[in-house]
Amino acid sequence: MSPFWNQVMKNKKETVSELTAKAQELKVDLWLSDVVFILHWWGGVALTIIPWGIWWIVQPTTSRYRMLFVGFSIIIISSFLDFIGSQYDLWRYYYEVFPWVPAYAHTNLMFPHGLRDLYFRY
């Protein structure tokens, strides 16, 4: 590529980087003013923490590491599929627990607990 095109690409990358930083700043400001500490936010925090605490209490110690491995495998798969679905606008999440973490993270962290309950029940 010619030096001219290298400079054009560099300028475009700098512009995209500046716009991305500004969008993130606006996102954090919106989160601080309209999302944090409302009912949906508390629900997201509760759905992120409480299922893991219940799991730690209820889970038999003999199969804890096996179930952790299965749970984290499910988290990885469900996070990937959720990322694909949200990128293609198949669904949206309007409330984030934290603005720098994807909005769907707390739902993917609680998904293995439902499967765990099915596993122990049947």
PDB file of N, CA and C in Angstrom:
ATOM      1  N   MET A   1       0.837  -1.185   0.000  1.00  0.00           N
ATOM      2  CA  MET A   1       0.000   0.000   0.000  1.00  0.00           C
ATOM      3  C   MET A   1       0.881   1.247   0.000  1.00  0.00           C
ATOM      4  N   SER A   2       0.337   2.276  -0.567  1.00  0.00           N
ATOM      5  CA  SER A   2       1.093   3.524  -0.645  1.00  0.00           C
ATOM      6  C   SER A   2       1.045   4.248   0.698  1.00  0.00           C
ATOM      7  N   PRO A   3       2.000   5.139   0.928  1.00  0.00           N
ATOM      8  CA  PRO A   3       1.991   5.913   2.178  1.00  0.00           C
ATOM      9  C   PRO A   3       0.716   6.730   2.349  1.00  0.00           C
ATOM     10  N   PHE A   4       0.126   7.175   1.230  1.00  0.00           N
ATOM     11  CA  PHE A   4      -1.123   7.926   1.308  1.00  0.00           C
ATOM     12  C   PHE A   4      -2.227   7.079   1.933  1.00  0.00           C
ATOM     13  N   TRP A   5      -2.391   5.827   1.466  1.00  0.00           N
ATOM     14  CA  TRP A   5      -3.440   4.951   1.995  1.00  0.00           C
ATOM     15  C   TRP A   5      -3.155   4.555   3.431  1.00  0.00           C
ATOM     16  N   ASN A   6      -1.891   4.403   3.778  1.00  0.00           N
ATOM     17  CA  ASN A   6      -1.545   4.111   5.173  1.00  0.00           C
ATOM     18  C   ASN A   6      -1.991   5.252   6.084  1.00  0.00           C
ATOM     19  N   GLN A   7      -1.775   6.485   5.645  1.00  0.00           N
ATOM     20  CA  GLN A   7      -2.187   7.640   6.438  1.00  0.00           C
ATOM     21  C   GLN A   7      -3.707   7.723   6.535  1.00  0.00           C
ATOM     22  N   VAL A   8      -4.410   7.429   5.440  1.00  0.00           N
ATOM     23  CA  VAL A   8      -5.875   7.445   5.455  1.00  0.00           C
ATOM     24  C   VAL A   8      -6.399   6.401   6.443  1.00  0.00           C
ATOM     25  N   MET A   9      -5.839   5.206   6.407  1.00  0.00           N
ATOM     26  CA  MET A   9      -6.279   4.145   7.326  1.00  0.00           C
ATOM     27  C   MET A   9      -5.969   4.514   8.771  1.00  0.00           C
ATOM     28  N   LYS A  10      -4.818   5.110   9.006  1.00  0.00           N
ATOM     29  CA  LYS A  10      -4.452   5.528  10.360  1.00  0.00           C
ATOM     30  C   LYS A  10      -5.438   6.565  10.876  1.00  0.00           C
ATOM     31  N   ASN A  11      -5.799   7.529  10.023  1.00  0.00           N
ATOM     32  CA  ASN A  11      -6.766   8.562  10.426  1.00  0.00           C
ATOM     33  C   ASN A  11      -8.134   7.952  10.725  1.00  0.00           C
ATOM     34  N   LYS A  12      -8.561   7.003   9.923  1.00  0.00           N
ATOM     35  CA  LYS A  12      -9.851   6.354  10.153  1.00  0.00           C
ATOM     36  C   LYS A  12      -9.840   5.556  11.449  1.00  0.00           C
ATOM     37  N   LYS A  13      -8.751   4.850  11.726  1.00  0.00           N
ATOM     38  CA  LYS A  13      -8.651   4.077  12.961  1.00  0.00           C
ATOM     39  C   LYS A  13      -8.663   4.991  14.182  1.00  0.00           C
ATOM     40  N   GLU A  14      -7.987   6.130  14.083  1.00  0.00           N
ATOM     41  CA  GLU A  14      -7.996   7.084  15.195  1.00  0.00           C
ATOM     42  C   GLU A  14      -9.392   7.644  15.422  1.00  0.00           C
ATOM     43  N   THR A  15     -10.115   7.927  14.345  1.00  0.00           N
ATOM     44  CA  THR A  15     -11.479   8.438  14.459  1.00  0.00           C
ATOM     45  C   THR A  15     -12.387   7.401  15.109  1.00  0.00           C
ATOM     46  N   VAL A  16     -12.273   6.160  14.672  1.00  0.00           N
ATOM     47  CA  VAL A  16     -13.089   5.087  15.260  1.00  0.00           C
ATOM     48  C   VAL A  16     -12.751   4.921  16.733  1.00  0.00           C
ATOM     49  N   SER A  17     -11.481   4.978  17.077  1.00  0.00           N
ATOM     50  CA  SER A  17     -11.064   4.847  18.471  1.00  0.00           C
ATOM     51  C   SER A  17     -11.619   5.977  19.331  1.00  0.00           C
ATOM     52  N   GLU A  18     -11.576   7.198  18.824  1.00  0.00           N
ATOM     53  CA  GLU A  18     -12.120   8.338  19.562  1.00  0.00           C
ATOM     54  C   GLU A  18     -13.633   8.206  19.746  1.00  0.00           C
ATOM     55  N   LEU A  19     -14.341   7.801  18.699  1.00  0.00           N
ATOM     56  CA  LEU A  19     -15.795   7.640  18.796  1.00  0.00           C
ATOM     57  C   LEU A  19     -16.171   6.518  19.756  1.00  0.00           C
ATOM     58  N   THR A  20     -15.394   5.446  19.755  1.00  0.00           N
ATOM     59  CA  THR A  20     -15.651   4.339  20.676  1.00  0.00           C
ATOM     60  C   THR A  20     -15.455   4.784  22.121  1.00  0.00           C
ATOM     61  N   ALA A  21     -14.396   5.540  22.379  1.00  0.00           N
ATOM     62  CA  ALA A  21     -14.158   6.040  23.733  1.00  0.00           C
ATOM     63  C   ALA A  21     -15.287   6.974  24.169  1.00  0.00           C
ATOM     64  N   LYS A  22     -15.750   7.826  23.279  1.00  0.00           N
ATOM     65  CA  LYS A  22     -16.852   8.740  23.601  1.00  0.00           C
ATOM     66  C   LYS A  22     -18.149   7.965  23.860  1.00  0.00           C
ATOM     67  N   ALA A  23     -18.410   6.931  23.047  1.00  0.00           N
ATOM     68  CA  ALA A  23     -19.617   6.113  23.250  1.00  0.00           C
ATOM     69  C   ALA A  23     -19.563   5.399  24.597  1.00  0.00           C
ATOM     70  N   GLN A  24     -18.404   4.898  24.978  1.00  0.00           N
ATOM     71  CA  GLN A  24     -18.272   4.221  26.274  1.00  0.00           C
ATOM     72  C   GLN A  24     -18.477   5.206  27.416  1.00  0.00           C
ATOM     73  N   GLU A  25     -17.959   6.413  27.258  1.00  0.00           N
ATOM     74  CA  GLU A  25     -18.148   7.434  28.285  1.00  0.00           C
ATOM     75  C   GLU A  25     -19.631   7.786  28.438  1.00  0.00           C
ATOM     76  N   LEU A  26     -20.334   7.937  27.322  1.00  0.00           N
ATOM     77  CA  LEU A  26     -21.769   8.217  27.370  1.00  0.00           C
ATOM     78  C   LEU A  26     -22.550   7.050  27.980  1.00  0.00           C
ATOM     79  N   LYS A  27     -22.121   5.835  27.675  1.00  0.00           N
ATOM     80  CA  LYS A  27     -22.783   4.644  28.219  1.00  0.00           C
ATOM     81  C   LYS A  27     -22.641   4.593  29.738  1.00  0.00           C
ATOM     82  N   VAL A  28     -21.455   4.889  30.243  1.00  0.00           N
ATOM     83  CA  VAL A  28     -21.238   4.886  31.691  1.00  0.00           C
ATOM     84  C   VAL A  28     -22.040   5.998  32.351  1.00  0.00           C
ATOM     85  N   ASP A  29     -22.081   7.181  31.742  1.00  0.00           N
ATOM     86  CA  ASP A  29     -22.883   8.270  32.296  1.00  0.00           C
ATOM     87  C   ASP A  29     -24.361   7.904  32.352  1.00  0.00           C
ATOM     88  N   LEU A  30     -24.884   7.285  31.295  1.00  0.00           N
ATOM     89  CA  LEU A  30     -26.277   6.844  31.280  1.00  0.00           C
ATOM     90  C   LEU A  30     -26.521   5.794  32.358  1.00  0.00           C
ATOM     91  N   TRP A  31     -25.596   4.872  32.485  1.00  0.00           N
ATOM     92  CA  TRP A  31     -25.731   3.813  33.489  1.00  0.00           C
ATOM     93  C   TRP A  31     -25.770   4.404  34.890  1.00  0.00           C
ATOM     94  N   LEU A  32     -24.874   5.351  35.174  1.00  0.00           N
ATOM     95  CA  LEU A  32     -24.827   5.959  36.503  1.00  0.00           C
ATOM     96  C   LEU A  32     -26.084   6.773  36.808  1.00  0.00           C
ATOM     97  N   SER A  33     -26.646   7.418  35.800  1.00  0.00           N
ATOM     98  CA  SER A  33     -27.795   8.280  36.060  1.00  0.00           C
ATOM     99  C   SER A  33     -29.131   7.548  36.014  1.00  0.00           C
ATOM    100  N   ASP A  34     -29.254   6.486  35.188  1.00  0.00           N
ATOM    101  CA  ASP A  34     -30.574   5.892  34.968  1.00  0.00           C
ATOM    102  C   ASP A  34     -30.710   4.415  35.312  1.00  0.00           C
ATOM    103  N   VAL A  35     -29.614   3.704  35.518  1.00  0.00           N
ATOM    104  CA  VAL A  35     -29.726   2.251  35.684  1.00  0.00           C
ATOM    105  C   VAL A  35     -29.322   1.783  37.078  1.00  0.00           C
ATOM    106  N   VAL A  36     -28.195   2.243  37.568  1.00  0.00           N
ATOM    107  CA  VAL A  36     -27.665   1.719  38.822  1.00  0.00           C
ATOM    108  C   VAL A  36     -28.629   1.987  39.982  1.00  0.00           C
ATOM    109  N   PHE A  37     -28.826   1.000  40.807  1.00  0.00           N
ATOM    110  CA  PHE A  37     -29.660   1.019  42.009  1.00  0.00           C
ATOM    111  C   PHE A  37     -31.165   1.059  41.749  1.00  0.00           C
ATOM    112  N   ILE A  38     -31.605   0.820  40.503  1.00  0.00           N
ATOM    113  CA  ILE A  38     -33.044   0.672  40.285  1.00  0.00           C
ATOM    114  C   ILE A  38     -33.399  -0.807  40.472  1.00  0.00           C
ATOM    115  N   LEU A  39     -34.672  -1.121  40.423  1.00  0.00           N
ATOM    116  CA  LEU A  39     -35.131  -2.481  40.708  1.00  0.00           C
ATOM    117  C   LEU A  39     -34.527  -3.508  39.753  1.00  0.00           C
ATOM    118  N   HIS A  40     -34.450  -3.203  38.471  1.00  0.00           N
ATOM    119  CA  HIS A  40     -33.859  -4.143  37.509  1.00  0.00           C
ATOM    120  C   HIS A  40     -32.390  -4.398  37.813  1.00  0.00           C
ATOM    121  N   TRP A  41     -31.687  -3.376  38.251  1.00  0.00           N
ATOM    122  CA  TRP A  41     -30.271  -3.534  38.589  1.00  0.00           C
ATOM    123  C   TRP A  41     -30.115  -4.466  39.784  1.00  0.00           C
ATOM    124  N   TRP A  42     -30.919  -4.257  40.831  1.00  0.00           N
ATOM    125  CA  TRP A  42     -30.856  -5.131  42.008  1.00  0.00           C
ATOM    126  C   TRP A  42     -31.219  -6.566  41.631  1.00  0.00           C
ATOM    127  N   GLY A  43     -32.187  -6.736  40.724  1.00  0.00           N
ATOM    128  CA  GLY A  43     -32.529  -8.081  40.263  1.00  0.00           C
ATOM    129  C   GLY A  43     -31.375  -8.747  39.559  1.00  0.00           C
ATOM    130  N   GLY A  44     -30.659  -7.998  38.720  1.00  0.00           N
ATOM    131  CA  GLY A  44     -29.489  -8.552  38.039  1.00  0.00           C
ATOM    132  C   GLY A  44     -28.391  -8.943  39.007  1.00  0.00           C
ATOM    133  N   VAL A  45     -28.155  -8.108  40.007  1.00  0.00           N
ATOM    134  CA  VAL A  45     -27.143  -8.437  41.018  1.00  0.00           C
ATOM    135  C   VAL A  45     -27.556  -9.690  41.787  1.00  0.00           C
ATOM    136  N   ALA A  46     -28.826  -9.765  42.173  1.00  0.00           N
ATOM    137  CA  ALA A  46     -29.306 -10.931  42.922  1.00  0.00           C
ATOM    138  C   ALA A  46     -29.219 -12.201  42.079  1.00  0.00           C
ATOM    139  N   LEU A  47     -29.592 -12.112  40.799  1.00  0.00           N
ATOM    140  CA  LEU A  47     -29.541 -13.293  39.937  1.00  0.00           C
ATOM    141  C   LEU A  47     -28.114 -13.701  39.588  1.00  0.00           C
ATOM    142  N   THR A  48     -27.165 -12.835  39.832  1.00  0.00           N
ATOM    143  CA  THR A  48     -25.769 -13.183  39.609  1.00  0.00           C
ATOM    144  C   THR A  48     -25.173 -13.868  40.830  1.00  0.00           C
ATOM    145  N   ILE A  49     -25.521 -13.429  42.022  1.00  0.00           N
ATOM    146  CA  ILE A  49     -24.856 -13.906  43.245  1.00  0.00           C
ATOM    147  C   ILE A  49     -25.620 -15.038  43.934  1.00  0.00           C
ATOM    148  N   ILE A  50     -26.920 -14.901  44.102  1.00  0.00           N
ATOM    149  CA  ILE A  50     -27.697 -15.851  44.908  1.00  0.00           C
ATOM    150  C   ILE A  50     -27.649 -17.286  44.378  1.00  0.00           C
ATOM    151  N   PRO A  51     -27.798 -17.540  43.067  1.00  0.00           N
ATOM    152  CA  PRO A  51     -27.745 -18.939  42.620  1.00  0.00           C
ATOM    153  C   PRO A  51     -26.421 -19.638  42.940  1.00  0.00           C
ATOM    154  N   TRP A  52     -25.311 -18.895  42.883  1.00  0.00           N
ATOM    155  CA  TRP A  52     -24.018 -19.510  43.208  1.00  0.00           C
ATOM    156  C   TRP A  52     -23.930 -19.839  44.698  1.00  0.00           C
ATOM    157  N   GLY A  53     -24.485 -18.975  45.554  1.00  0.00           N
ATOM    158  CA  GLY A  53     -24.498 -19.265  46.991  1.00  0.00           C
ATOM    159  C   GLY A  53     -25.365 -20.477  47.307  1.00  0.00           C
ATOM    160  N   ILE A  54     -26.526 -20.565  46.685  1.00  0.00           N
ATOM    161  CA  ILE A  54     -27.391 -21.735  46.889  1.00  0.00           C
ATOM    162  C   ILE A  54     -26.696 -22.989  46.392  1.00  0.00           C
ATOM    163  N   TRP A  55     -26.047 -22.881  45.238  1.00  0.00           N
ATOM    164  CA  TRP A  55     -25.348 -24.042  44.691  1.00  0.00           C
ATOM    165  C   TRP A  55     -24.263 -24.512  45.648  1.00  0.00           C
ATOM    166  N   TRP A  56     -23.516 -23.583  46.226  1.00  0.00           N
ATOM    167  CA  TRP A  56     -22.417 -23.953  47.122  1.00  0.00           C
ATOM    168  C   TRP A  56     -22.945 -24.669  48.360  1.00  0.00           C
ATOM    169  N   ILE A  57     -24.116 -24.284  48.835  1.00  0.00           N
ATOM    170  CA  ILE A  57     -24.701 -24.910  50.023  1.00  0.00           C
ATOM    171  C   ILE A  57     -25.313 -26.267  49.693  1.00  0.00           C
ATOM    172  N   VAL A  58     -26.040 -26.369  48.588  1.00  0.00           N
ATOM    173  CA  VAL A  58     -26.805 -27.571  48.249  1.00  0.00           C
ATOM    174  C   VAL A  58     -25.947 -28.652  47.591  1.00  0.00           C
ATOM    175  N   GLN A  59     -24.943 -28.262  46.845  1.00  0.00           N
ATOM    176  CA  GLN A  59     -24.133 -29.200  46.054  1.00  0.00           C
ATOM    177  C   GLN A  59     -23.405 -30.206  46.944  1.00  0.00           C
ATOM    178  N   PRO A  60     -23.535 -31.510  46.645  1.00  0.00           N
ATOM    179  CA  PRO A  60     -22.760 -32.500  47.394  1.00  0.00           C
ATOM    180  C   PRO A  60     -21.261 -32.306  47.119  1.00  0.00           C
ATOM    181  N   THR A  61     -20.456 -32.426  48.137  1.00  0.00           N
ATOM    182  CA  THR A  61     -19.020 -32.176  47.982  1.00  0.00           C
ATOM    183  C   THR A  61     -18.332 -33.236  47.126  1.00  0.00           C
ATOM    184  N   THR A  62     -18.931 -34.421  46.993  1.00  0.00           N
ATOM    185  CA  THR A  62     -18.281 -35.470  46.211  1.00  0.00           C
ATOM    186  C   THR A  62     -18.256 -35.162  44.721  1.00  0.00           C
ATOM    187  N   SER A  63     -19.241 -34.411  44.218  1.00  0.00           N
ATOM    188  CA  SER A  63     -19.295 -34.130  42.781  1.00  0.00           C
ATOM    189  C   SER A  63     -19.132 -32.642  42.472  1.00  0.00           C
ATOM    190  N   ARG A  64     -18.609 -31.884  43.415  1.00  0.00           N
ATOM    191  CA  ARG A  64     -18.518 -30.432  43.249  1.00  0.00           C
ATOM    192  C   ARG A  64     -17.644 -30.033  42.063  1.00  0.00           C
ATOM    193  N   TYR A  65     -16.473 -30.632  41.929  1.00  0.00           N
ATOM    194  CA  TYR A  65     -15.558 -30.221  40.861  1.00  0.00           C
ATOM    195  C   TYR A  65     -16.064 -30.655  39.488  1.00  0.00           C
ATOM    196  N   ARG A  66     -16.690 -31.796  39.431  1.00  0.00           N
ATOM    197  CA  ARG A  66     -17.275 -32.251  38.162  1.00  0.00           C
ATOM    198  C   ARG A  66     -18.390 -31.310  37.730  1.00  0.00           C
ATOM    199  N   MET A  67     -19.237 -30.922  38.663  1.00  0.00           N
ATOM    200  CA  MET A  67     -20.336 -30.021  38.342  1.00  0.00           C
ATOM    201  C   MET A  67     -19.833 -28.608  38.025  1.00  0.00           C
ATOM    202  N   LEU A  68     -18.752 -28.175  38.663  1.00  0.00           N
ATOM    203  CA  LEU A  68     -18.153 -26.888  38.310  1.00  0.00           C
ATOM    204  C   LEU A  68     -17.657 -26.905  36.871  1.00  0.00           C
ATOM    205  N   PHE A  69     -17.008 -28.000  36.474  1.00  0.00           N
ATOM    206  CA  PHE A  69     -16.516 -28.125  35.107  1.00  0.00           C
ATOM    207  C   PHE A  69     -17.675 -28.075  34.113  1.00  0.00           C
ATOM    208  N   VAL A  70     -18.726 -28.822  34.395  1.00  0.00           N
ATOM    209  CA  VAL A  70     -19.891 -28.821  33.517  1.00  0.00           C
ATOM    210  C   VAL A  70     -20.541 -27.437  33.500  1.00  0.00           C
ATOM    211  N   GLY A  71     -20.656 -26.818  34.667  1.00  0.00           N
ATOM    212  CA  GLY A  71     -21.263 -25.488  34.749  1.00  0.00           C
ATOM    213  C   GLY A  71     -20.491 -24.456  33.956  1.00  0.00           C
ATOM    214  N   PHE A  72     -19.166 -24.451  34.084  1.00  0.00           N
ATOM    215  CA  PHE A  72     -18.371 -23.478  33.337  1.00  0.00           C
ATOM    216  C   PHE A  72     -18.393 -23.769  31.839  1.00  0.00           C
ATOM    217  N   SER A  73     -18.493 -25.025  31.467  1.00  0.00           N
ATOM    218  CA  SER A  73     -18.628 -25.356  30.042  1.00  0.00           C
ATOM    219  C   SER A  73     -19.940 -24.801  29.501  1.00  0.00           C
ATOM    220  N   ILE A  74     -21.004 -24.931  30.271  1.00  0.00           N
ATOM    221  CA  ILE A  74     -22.312 -24.394  29.864  1.00  0.00           C
ATOM    222  C   ILE A  74     -22.262 -22.874  29.789  1.00  0.00           C
ATOM    223  N   ILE A  75     -21.560 -22.233  30.734  1.00  0.00           N
ATOM    224  CA  ILE A  75     -21.429 -20.774  30.714  1.00  0.00           C
ATOM    225  C   ILE A  75     -20.723 -20.325  29.440  1.00  0.00           C
ATOM    226  N   ILE A  76     -19.659 -21.009  29.059  1.00  0.00           N
ATOM    227  CA  ILE A  76     -18.916 -20.636  27.855  1.00  0.00           C
ATOM    228  C   ILE A  76     -19.792 -20.783  26.611  1.00  0.00           C
ATOM    229  N   ILE A  77     -20.486 -21.905  26.495  1.00  0.00           N
ATOM    230  CA  ILE A  77     -21.331 -22.140  25.328  1.00  0.00           C
ATOM    231  C   ILE A  77     -22.495 -21.151  25.287  1.00  0.00           C
ATOM    232  N   SER A  78     -23.169 -20.958  26.415  1.00  0.00           N
ATOM    233  CA  SER A  78     -24.318 -20.047  26.420  1.00  0.00           C
ATOM    234  C   SER A  78     -23.878 -18.602  26.204  1.00  0.00           C
ATOM    235  N   SER A  79     -22.710 -18.219  26.695  1.00  0.00           N
ATOM    236  CA  SER A  79     -22.215 -16.858  26.457  1.00  0.00           C
ATOM    237  C   SER A  79     -21.927 -16.639  24.980  1.00  0.00           C
ATOM    238  N   PHE A  80     -21.338 -17.634  24.347  1.00  0.00           N
ATOM    239  CA  PHE A  80     -21.053 -17.515  22.919  1.00  0.00           C
ATOM    240  C   PHE A  80     -22.344 -17.383  22.113  1.00  0.00           C
ATOM    241  N   LEU A  81     -23.308 -18.251  22.387  1.00  0.00           N
ATOM    242  CA  LEU A  81     -24.576 -18.195  21.654  1.00  0.00           C
ATOM    243  C   LEU A  81     -25.333 -16.902  21.951  1.00  0.00           C
ATOM    244  N   ASP A  82     -25.274 -16.433  23.192  1.00  0.00           N
ATOM    245  CA  ASP A  82     -25.938 -15.186  23.555  1.00  0.00           C
ATOM    246  C   ASP A  82     -25.268 -14.001  22.875  1.00  0.00           C
ATOM    247  N   PHE A  83     -23.948 -14.033  22.779  1.00  0.00           N
ATOM    248  CA  PHE A  83     -23.216 -12.981  22.081  1.00  0.00           C
ATOM    249  C   PHE A  83     -23.633 -12.914  20.614  1.00  0.00           C
ATOM    250  N   ILE A  84     -23.698 -14.075  19.974  1.00  0.00           N
ATOM    251  CA  ILE A  84     -24.109 -14.121  18.561  1.00  0.00           C
ATOM    252  C   ILE A  84     -25.530 -13.568  18.402  1.00  0.00           C
ATOM    253  N   GLY A  85     -26.442 -14.002  19.257  1.00  0.00           N
ATOM    254  CA  GLY A  85     -27.831 -13.546  19.157  1.00  0.00           C
ATOM    255  C   GLY A  85     -27.982 -12.062  19.391  1.00  0.00           C
ATOM    256  N   SER A  86     -27.248 -11.519  20.355  1.00  0.00           N
ATOM    257  CA  SER A  86     -27.371 -10.089  20.615  1.00  0.00           C
ATOM    258  C   SER A  86     -26.669  -9.257  19.545  1.00  0.00           C
ATOM    259  N   GLN A  87     -25.607  -9.776  18.944  1.00  0.00           N
ATOM    260  CA  GLN A  87     -24.936  -9.040  17.865  1.00  0.00           C
ATOM    261  C   GLN A  87     -25.801  -8.963  16.609  1.00  0.00           C
ATOM    262  N   TYR A  88     -26.602  -9.984  16.355  1.00  0.00           N
ATOM    263  CA  TYR A  88     -27.497  -9.989  15.204  1.00  0.00           C
ATOM    264  C   TYR A  88     -28.879  -9.431  15.537  1.00  0.00           C
ATOM    265  N   ASP A  89     -28.999  -8.784  16.680  1.00  0.00           N
ATOM    266  CA  ASP A  89     -30.245  -8.145  17.123  1.00  0.00           C
ATOM    267  C   ASP A  89     -31.420  -9.111  17.170  1.00  0.00           C
ATOM    268  N   LEU A  90     -31.162 -10.346  17.551  1.00  0.00           N
ATOM    269  CA  LEU A  90     -32.263 -11.283  17.754  1.00  0.00           C
ATOM    270  C   LEU A  90     -32.961 -10.997  19.086  1.00  0.00           C
ATOM    271  N   TRP A  91     -32.234 -10.406  20.033  1.00  0.00           N
ATOM    272  CA  TRP A  91     -32.787  -9.960  21.300  1.00  0.00           C
ATOM    273  C   TRP A  91     -31.880  -8.882  21.861  1.00  0.00           C
ATOM    274  N   ARG A  92     -32.394  -8.159  22.849  1.00  0.00           N
ATOM    275  CA  ARG A  92     -31.645  -7.064  23.456  1.00  0.00           C
ATOM    276  C   ARG A  92     -31.774  -7.122  24.963  1.00  0.00           C
ATOM    277  N   TYR A  93     -30.761  -6.583  25.608  1.00  0.00           N
ATOM    278  CA  TYR A  93     -30.752  -6.414  27.056  1.00  0.00           C
ATOM    279  C   TYR A  93     -30.644  -4.917  27.330  1.00  0.00           C
ATOM    280  N   TYR A  94     -31.590  -4.380  28.068  1.00  0.00           N
ATOM    281  CA  TYR A  94     -31.628  -2.939  28.294  1.00  0.00           C
ATOM    282  C   TYR A  94     -30.995  -2.523  29.615  1.00  0.00           C
ATOM    283  N   TYR A  95     -30.824  -3.441  30.536  1.00  0.00           N
ATOM    284  CA  TYR A  95     -30.267  -3.098  31.838  1.00  0.00           C
ATOM    285  C   TYR A  95     -29.017  -3.934  32.075  1.00  0.00           C
ATOM    286  N   GLU A  96     -27.929  -3.253  32.383  1.00  0.00           N
ATOM    287  CA  GLU A  96     -26.669  -3.930  32.634  1.00  0.00           C
ATOM    288  C   GLU A  96     -26.338  -3.835  34.117  1.00  0.00           C
ATOM    289  N   VAL A  97     -25.778  -4.901  34.653  1.00  0.00           N
ATOM    290  CA  VAL A  97     -25.322  -4.854  36.039  1.00  0.00           C
ATOM    291  C   VAL A  97     -24.115  -3.931  36.133  1.00  0.00           C
ATOM    292  N   PHE A  98     -23.196  -4.055  35.202  1.00  0.00           N
ATOM    293  CA  PHE A  98     -22.034  -3.164  35.104  1.00  0.00           C
ATOM    294  C   PHE A  98     -21.865  -2.767  33.641  1.00  0.00           C
ATOM    295  N   PRO A  99     -21.549  -1.502  33.353  1.00  0.00           N
ATOM    296  CA  PRO A  99     -21.504  -1.062  31.956  1.00  0.00           C
ATOM    297  C   PRO A  99     -20.326  -1.628  31.167  1.00  0.00           C
ATOM    298  N   TRP A 100     -19.299  -2.097  31.811  1.00  0.00           N
ATOM    299  CA  TRP A 100     -18.131  -2.615  31.098  1.00  0.00           C
ATOM    300  C   TRP A 100     -18.178  -4.126  30.927  1.00  0.00           C
ATOM    301  N   VAL A 101     -19.230  -4.759  31.420  1.00  0.00           N
ATOM    302  CA  VAL A 101     -19.445  -6.192  31.258  1.00  0.00           C
ATOM    303  C   VAL A 101     -20.657  -6.357  30.346  1.00  0.00           C
ATOM    304  N   PRO A 102     -20.641  -7.315  29.419  1.00  0.00           N
ATOM    305  CA  PRO A 102     -21.821  -7.485  28.558  1.00  0.00           C
ATOM    306  C   PRO A 102     -23.099  -7.666  29.379  1.00  0.00           C
ATOM    307  N   ALA A 103     -24.184  -7.110  28.887  1.00  0.00           N
ATOM    308  CA  ALA A 103     -25.444  -7.106  29.628  1.00  0.00           C
ATOM    309  C   ALA A 103     -25.971  -8.501  29.889  1.00  0.00           C
ATOM    310  N   TYR A 104     -25.606  -9.469  29.056  1.00  0.00           N
ATOM    311  CA  TYR A 104     -26.135 -10.817  29.192  1.00  0.00           C
ATOM    312  C   TYR A 104     -25.303 -11.693  30.118  1.00  0.00           C
ATOM    313  N   ALA A 105     -24.244 -11.171  30.694  1.00  0.00           N
ATOM    314  CA  ALA A 105     -23.344 -11.998  31.503  1.00  0.00           C
ATOM    315  C   ALA A 105     -24.049 -12.599  32.718  1.00  0.00           C
ATOM    316  N   HIS A 106     -24.876 -11.818  33.404  1.00  0.00           N
ATOM    317  CA  HIS A 106     -25.506 -12.355  34.612  1.00  0.00           C
ATOM    318  C   HIS A 106     -26.502 -13.460  34.284  1.00  0.00           C
ATOM    319  N   THR A 107     -27.165 -13.389  33.126  1.00  0.00           N
ATOM    320  CA  THR A 107     -28.086 -14.471  32.775  1.00  0.00           C
ATOM    321  C   THR A 107     -27.325 -15.741  32.418  1.00  0.00           C
ATOM    322  N   ASN A 108     -26.183 -15.602  31.775  1.00  0.00           N
ATOM    323  CA  ASN A 108     -25.389 -16.783  31.442  1.00  0.00           C
ATOM    324  C   ASN A 108     -24.748 -17.396  32.679  1.00  0.00           C
ATOM    325  N   LEU A 109     -24.486 -16.592  33.698  1.00  0.00           N
ATOM    326  CA  LEU A 109     -23.909 -17.132  34.926  1.00  0.00           C
ATOM    327  C   LEU A 109     -24.935 -17.909  35.747  1.00  0.00           C
ATOM    328  N   MET A 110     -26.223 -17.627  35.563  1.00  0.00           N
ATOM    329  CA  MET A 110     -27.216 -18.377  36.331  1.00  0.00           C
ATOM    330  C   MET A 110     -27.790 -19.552  35.541  1.00  0.00           C
ATOM    331  N   PHE A 111     -27.556 -19.614  34.252  1.00  0.00           N
ATOM    332  CA  PHE A 111     -28.093 -20.686  33.408  1.00  0.00           C
ATOM    333  C   PHE A 111     -27.672 -22.088  33.867  1.00  0.00           C
ATOM    334  N   PRO A 112     -26.423 -22.333  34.263  1.00  0.00           N
ATOM    335  CA  PRO A 112     -26.037 -23.681  34.689  1.00  0.00           C
ATOM    336  C   PRO A 112     -26.803 -24.178  35.909  1.00  0.00           C
ATOM    337  N   HIS A 113     -27.318 -23.257  36.727  1.00  0.00           N
ATOM    338  CA  HIS A 113     -28.023 -23.691  37.929  1.00  0.00           C
ATOM    339  C   HIS A 113     -29.350 -24.348  37.594  1.00  0.00           C
ATOM    340  N   GLY A 114     -30.013 -23.874  36.566  1.00  0.00           N
ATOM    341  CA  GLY A 114     -31.239 -24.531  36.123  1.00  0.00           C
ATOM    342  C   GLY A 114     -30.960 -25.929  35.602  1.00  0.00           C
ATOM    343  N   LEU A 115     -29.884 -26.072  34.855  1.00  0.00           N
ATOM    344  CA  LEU A 115     -29.511 -27.401  34.367  1.00  0.00           C
ATOM    345  C   LEU A 115     -29.065 -28.311  35.503  1.00  0.00           C
ATOM    346  N   ARG A 116     -28.411 -27.744  36.493  1.00  0.00           N
ATOM    347  CA  ARG A 116     -28.005 -28.530  37.658  1.00  0.00           C
ATOM    348  C   ARG A 116     -29.230 -29.075  38.384  1.00  0.00           C
ATOM    349  N   ASP A 117     -30.239 -28.224  38.539  1.00  0.00           N
ATOM    350  CA  ASP A 117     -31.462 -28.679  39.201  1.00  0.00           C
ATOM    351  C   ASP A 117     -32.127 -29.803  38.424  1.00  0.00           C
ATOM    352  N   LEU A 118     -32.139 -29.694  37.100  1.00  0.00           N
ATOM    353  CA  LEU A 118     -32.688 -30.772  36.278  1.00  0.00           C
ATOM    354  C   LEU A 118     -31.874 -32.062  36.449  1.00  0.00           C
ATOM    355  N   TYR A 119     -30.567 -31.921  36.514  1.00  0.00           N
ATOM    356  CA  TYR A 119     -29.690 -33.081  36.657  1.00  0.00           C
ATOM    357  C   TYR A 119     -29.929 -33.790  37.986  1.00  0.00           C
ATOM    358  N   PHE A 120     -30.048 -33.044  39.073  1.00  0.00           N
ATOM    359  CA  PHE A 120     -30.246 -33.675  40.371  1.00  0.00           C
ATOM    360  C   PHE A 120     -31.665 -34.202  40.552  1.00  0.00           C
ATOM    361  N   ARG A 121     -32.622 -33.582  39.887  1.00  0.00           N
ATOM    362  CA  ARG A 121     -34.011 -33.998  40.040  1.00  0.00           C
ATOM    363  C   ARG A 121     -34.319 -35.277  39.272  1.00  0.00           C
ATOM    364  N   TYR A 122     -33.695 -35.445  38.104  1.00  0.00           N
ATOM    365  CA  TYR A 122     -34.056 -36.595  37.261  1.00  0.00           C
ATOM    366  C   TYR A 122     -32.880 -37.468  37.081  1.00  0.00           C
TER     367      TYR A 122
END
